[in-house]
Amino acid sequence: MRRTFLGEFEELVLLTVAILGKNAYAVTVTQELENKTGRLVGFSSVHTTLQRLEEKSYLTSVMGGATAEHGGRRKRFFVVTALGQKH
């Protein structure tokens, strides 16, 4: 298997997903990154990075149920995989 390297932001997102556990979706990851780093983080940057980490098999995702607070849309929750934990 070819070794995949992660950039600094990818590592931050991966660690944030691990910290948030079952509550890790794009909005909460963005908020946690902003709270911990004291910097503004673009939601689209986080969303793209989450997708990229899933493509690299560091994360997996599942769709949650629709909620009224989220405009009836479903949330995509992310979980760190065994490969992501090794990194």
N, C-alpha and C. Protein backbone atom coordinates (compact mmCIF):
# COMPACT_ATOMS: atom_id res chain seq x y z
N MET A 1 0.83 -1.18 0.00
CA MET A 1 0.00 0.00 0.00
C MET A 1 0.88 1.24 0.00
N ARG A 2 0.51 2.20 -0.81
CA ARG A 2 1.27 3.44 -0.91
C ARG A 2 1.00 4.33 0.30
N ARG A 3 2.05 4.89 0.85
CA ARG A 3 1.91 5.77 2.02
C ARG A 3 1.34 7.11 1.57
N THR A 4 0.35 7.57 2.29
CA THR A 4 -0.27 8.85 2.00
C THR A 4 0.12 9.85 3.07
N PHE A 5 0.60 10.99 2.65
CA PHE A 5 0.99 12.03 3.60
C PHE A 5 -0.14 13.03 3.78
N LEU A 6 -0.23 13.57 4.98
CA LEU A 6 -1.26 14.55 5.28
C LEU A 6 -0.64 15.91 5.49
N GLY A 7 -1.36 16.91 5.05
CA GLY A 7 -0.95 18.29 5.30
C GLY A 7 -1.33 18.69 6.71
N GLU A 8 -0.86 19.84 7.13
CA GLU A 8 -1.11 20.32 8.49
C GLU A 8 -2.61 20.48 8.77
N PHE A 9 -3.34 21.07 7.83
CA PHE A 9 -4.77 21.28 8.03
C PHE A 9 -5.51 19.94 8.07
N GLU A 10 -5.10 19.00 7.23
CA GLU A 10 -5.71 17.67 7.24
C GLU A 10 -5.50 17.01 8.61
N GLU A 11 -4.32 17.14 9.17
CA GLU A 11 -4.06 16.57 10.48
C GLU A 11 -4.92 17.22 11.56
N LEU A 12 -5.07 18.54 11.49
CA LEU A 12 -5.93 19.23 12.45
C LEU A 12 -7.37 18.75 12.36
N VAL A 13 -7.86 18.59 11.15
CA VAL A 13 -9.24 18.13 10.96
C VAL A 13 -9.38 16.70 11.46
N LEU A 14 -8.43 15.84 11.15
CA LEU A 14 -8.46 14.45 11.61
C LEU A 14 -8.48 14.38 13.14
N LEU A 15 -7.63 15.14 13.79
CA LEU A 15 -7.59 15.16 15.25
C LEU A 15 -8.89 15.71 15.84
N THR A 16 -9.46 16.71 15.19
CA THR A 16 -10.71 17.30 15.67
C THR A 16 -11.84 16.30 15.58
N VAL A 17 -11.90 15.54 14.50
CA VAL A 17 -12.92 14.49 14.37
C VAL A 17 -12.75 13.47 15.49
N ALA A 18 -11.52 13.10 15.78
CA ALA A 18 -11.26 12.13 16.85
C ALA A 18 -11.72 12.68 18.21
N ILE A 19 -11.49 13.95 18.46
CA ILE A 19 -11.87 14.58 19.72
C ILE A 19 -13.39 14.65 19.86
N LEU A 20 -14.07 15.02 18.77
CA LEU A 20 -15.52 15.19 18.81
C LEU A 20 -16.28 13.86 18.88
N GLY A 21 -15.65 12.80 18.45
CA GLY A 21 -16.30 11.49 18.51
C GLY A 21 -17.57 11.44 17.67
N LYS A 22 -18.67 11.02 18.28
CA LYS A 22 -19.93 10.82 17.55
C LYS A 22 -20.59 12.13 17.12
N ASN A 23 -20.10 13.26 17.58
CA ASN A 23 -20.68 14.56 17.23
C ASN A 23 -19.92 15.25 16.11
N ALA A 24 -19.09 14.53 15.37
CA ALA A 24 -18.25 15.14 14.35
C ALA A 24 -18.96 15.21 13.01
N TYR A 25 -19.41 16.40 12.67
CA TYR A 25 -19.90 16.69 11.33
C TYR A 25 -19.33 18.06 10.95
N ALA A 26 -19.47 18.45 9.71
CA ALA A 26 -18.73 19.61 9.19
C ALA A 26 -18.87 20.86 10.06
N VAL A 27 -20.07 21.15 10.53
CA VAL A 27 -20.28 22.37 11.32
C VAL A 27 -19.56 22.29 12.67
N THR A 28 -19.69 21.17 13.37
CA THR A 28 -19.04 21.06 14.68
C THR A 28 -17.52 21.02 14.54
N VAL A 29 -17.02 20.40 13.47
CA VAL A 29 -15.57 20.38 13.25
C VAL A 29 -15.08 21.81 13.01
N THR A 30 -15.79 22.57 12.20
CA THR A 30 -15.43 23.97 11.92
C THR A 30 -15.41 24.78 13.22
N GLN A 31 -16.47 24.66 14.02
CA GLN A 31 -16.57 25.41 15.27
C GLN A 31 -15.45 25.05 16.24
N GLU A 32 -15.16 23.76 16.36
CA GLU A 32 -14.12 23.30 17.28
C GLU A 32 -12.74 23.80 16.84
N LEU A 33 -12.49 23.75 15.54
CA LEU A 33 -11.21 24.27 15.03
C LEU A 33 -11.06 25.75 15.33
N GLU A 34 -12.12 26.51 15.13
CA GLU A 34 -12.07 27.95 15.42
C GLU A 34 -11.86 28.21 16.90
N ASN A 35 -12.55 27.44 17.75
CA ASN A 35 -12.40 27.60 19.20
C ASN A 35 -10.99 27.26 19.68
N LYS A 36 -10.43 26.19 19.18
CA LYS A 36 -9.12 25.72 19.65
C LYS A 36 -7.96 26.50 19.06
N THR A 37 -8.09 26.96 17.80
CA THR A 37 -6.97 27.66 17.17
C THR A 37 -7.06 29.17 17.29
N GLY A 38 -8.28 29.68 17.56
CA GLY A 38 -8.46 31.13 17.62
C GLY A 38 -8.43 31.79 16.25
N ARG A 39 -8.57 31.00 15.20
CA ARG A 39 -8.55 31.51 13.83
C ARG A 39 -9.88 31.21 13.15
N LEU A 40 -10.24 32.05 12.18
CA LEU A 40 -11.42 31.78 11.39
C LEU A 40 -11.11 30.65 10.41
N VAL A 41 -12.01 29.70 10.33
CA VAL A 41 -11.83 28.55 9.46
C VAL A 41 -13.03 28.50 8.53
N GLY A 42 -12.79 28.41 7.25
CA GLY A 42 -13.87 28.36 6.28
C GLY A 42 -14.57 27.01 6.30
N PHE A 43 -15.90 27.06 6.33
CA PHE A 43 -16.69 25.83 6.33
C PHE A 43 -16.38 25.01 5.09
N SER A 44 -16.25 25.65 3.94
CA SER A 44 -15.99 24.91 2.70
C SER A 44 -14.63 24.22 2.75
N SER A 45 -13.65 24.84 3.40
CA SER A 45 -12.33 24.21 3.55
C SER A 45 -12.42 22.96 4.39
N VAL A 46 -13.18 23.02 5.46
CA VAL A 46 -13.36 21.86 6.33
C VAL A 46 -14.11 20.77 5.59
N HIS A 47 -15.17 21.14 4.90
CA HIS A 47 -15.98 20.16 4.16
C HIS A 47 -15.14 19.44 3.12
N THR A 48 -14.34 20.19 2.36
CA THR A 48 -13.47 19.60 1.34
C THR A 48 -12.44 18.68 1.97
N THR A 49 -11.88 19.10 3.09
CA THR A 49 -10.86 18.29 3.78
C THR A 49 -11.46 17.01 4.34
N LEU A 50 -12.66 17.07 4.88
CA LEU A 50 -13.33 15.87 5.37
C LEU A 50 -13.52 14.87 4.23
N GLN A 51 -13.95 15.35 3.08
CA GLN A 51 -14.13 14.48 1.92
C GLN A 51 -12.80 13.86 1.48
N ARG A 52 -11.76 14.69 1.47
CA ARG A 52 -10.44 14.21 1.05
C ARG A 52 -9.92 13.14 2.02
N LEU A 53 -10.11 13.34 3.32
CA LEU A 53 -9.68 12.36 4.31
C LEU A 53 -10.48 11.06 4.18
N GLU A 54 -11.73 11.17 3.80
CA GLU A 54 -12.53 9.97 3.58
C GLU A 54 -12.03 9.22 2.34
N GLU A 55 -11.67 9.95 1.28
CA GLU A 55 -11.11 9.33 0.08
C GLU A 55 -9.80 8.62 0.38
N LYS A 56 -9.03 9.15 1.32
CA LYS A 56 -7.74 8.55 1.70
C LYS A 56 -7.92 7.44 2.73
N SER A 57 -9.17 7.16 3.11
CA SER A 57 -9.54 6.11 4.07
C SER A 57 -9.12 6.40 5.51
N TYR A 58 -8.91 7.66 5.84
CA TYR A 58 -8.62 8.04 7.23
C TYR A 58 -9.91 8.27 8.02
N LEU A 59 -11.00 8.55 7.30
CA LEU A 59 -12.30 8.76 7.90
C LEU A 59 -13.33 7.93 7.15
N THR A 60 -14.43 7.68 7.83
CA THR A 60 -15.61 7.11 7.19
C THR A 60 -16.78 7.97 7.64
N SER A 61 -17.88 7.92 6.89
CA SER A 61 -19.01 8.75 7.26
C SER A 61 -20.31 7.98 7.16
N VAL A 62 -21.28 8.44 7.94
CA VAL A 62 -22.63 7.91 7.91
C VAL A 62 -23.60 9.08 7.94
N MET A 63 -24.75 8.88 7.30
CA MET A 63 -25.77 9.93 7.30
C MET A 63 -26.65 9.78 8.53
N GLY A 64 -26.84 10.89 9.23
CA GLY A 64 -27.74 10.90 10.38
C GLY A 64 -29.15 11.19 9.93
N GLY A 65 -30.08 11.17 10.86
CA GLY A 65 -31.47 11.46 10.55
C GLY A 65 -31.71 12.94 10.35
N ALA A 66 -32.79 13.28 9.70
CA ALA A 66 -33.17 14.68 9.47
C ALA A 66 -33.64 15.30 10.79
N THR A 67 -33.27 16.55 10.99
CA THR A 67 -33.69 17.26 12.20
C THR A 67 -34.28 18.60 11.82
N ALA A 68 -35.24 19.07 12.61
CA ALA A 68 -35.87 20.36 12.35
C ALA A 68 -34.87 21.50 12.50
N GLU A 69 -33.94 21.38 13.47
CA GLU A 69 -32.94 22.43 13.71
C GLU A 69 -32.01 22.62 12.53
N HIS A 70 -31.92 21.63 11.68
CA HIS A 70 -31.02 21.68 10.53
C HIS A 70 -31.80 21.87 9.23
N GLY A 71 -33.00 22.44 9.34
CA GLY A 71 -33.83 22.70 8.17
C GLY A 71 -34.35 21.43 7.51
N GLY A 72 -34.44 20.34 8.27
CA GLY A 72 -34.93 19.09 7.74
C GLY A 72 -33.89 18.29 6.96
N ARG A 73 -32.69 18.84 6.84
CA ARG A 73 -31.64 18.13 6.11
C ARG A 73 -30.91 17.18 7.05
N ARG A 74 -30.34 16.15 6.45
CA ARG A 74 -29.58 15.17 7.22
C ARG A 74 -28.13 15.62 7.36
N LYS A 75 -27.52 15.21 8.47
CA LYS A 75 -26.11 15.52 8.72
C LYS A 75 -25.26 14.32 8.35
N ARG A 76 -24.05 14.57 7.83
CA ARG A 76 -23.09 13.51 7.56
C ARG A 76 -22.08 13.51 8.71
N PHE A 77 -22.11 12.44 9.51
CA PHE A 77 -21.20 12.31 10.65
C PHE A 77 -19.95 11.55 10.24
N PHE A 78 -18.81 11.98 10.74
CA PHE A 78 -17.53 11.38 10.39
C PHE A 78 -16.92 10.67 11.59
N VAL A 79 -16.23 9.55 11.31
CA VAL A 79 -15.57 8.74 12.33
C VAL A 79 -14.17 8.40 11.81
N VAL A 80 -13.19 8.45 12.71
CA VAL A 80 -11.83 8.10 12.35
C VAL A 80 -11.74 6.58 12.17
N THR A 81 -11.12 6.14 11.08
CA THR A 81 -10.94 4.71 10.82
C THR A 81 -9.70 4.20 11.55
N ALA A 82 -9.46 2.89 11.47
CA ALA A 82 -8.26 2.29 12.07
C ALA A 82 -7.00 2.88 11.43
N LEU A 83 -7.04 3.09 10.10
CA LEU A 83 -5.90 3.69 9.42
C LEU A 83 -5.66 5.11 9.91
N GLY A 84 -6.73 5.86 10.12
CA GLY A 84 -6.62 7.23 10.64
C GLY A 84 -6.07 7.26 12.06
N GLN A 85 -6.40 6.26 12.86
CA GLN A 85 -5.89 6.19 14.23
C GLN A 85 -4.41 5.88 14.25
N LYS A 86 -3.93 5.11 13.26
CA LYS A 86 -2.51 4.80 13.18
C LYS A 86 -1.69 6.04 12.85
N HIS A 87 -2.27 6.93 12.07
CA HIS A 87 -1.53 8.10 11.63
C HIS A 87 -1.32 9.00 12.81
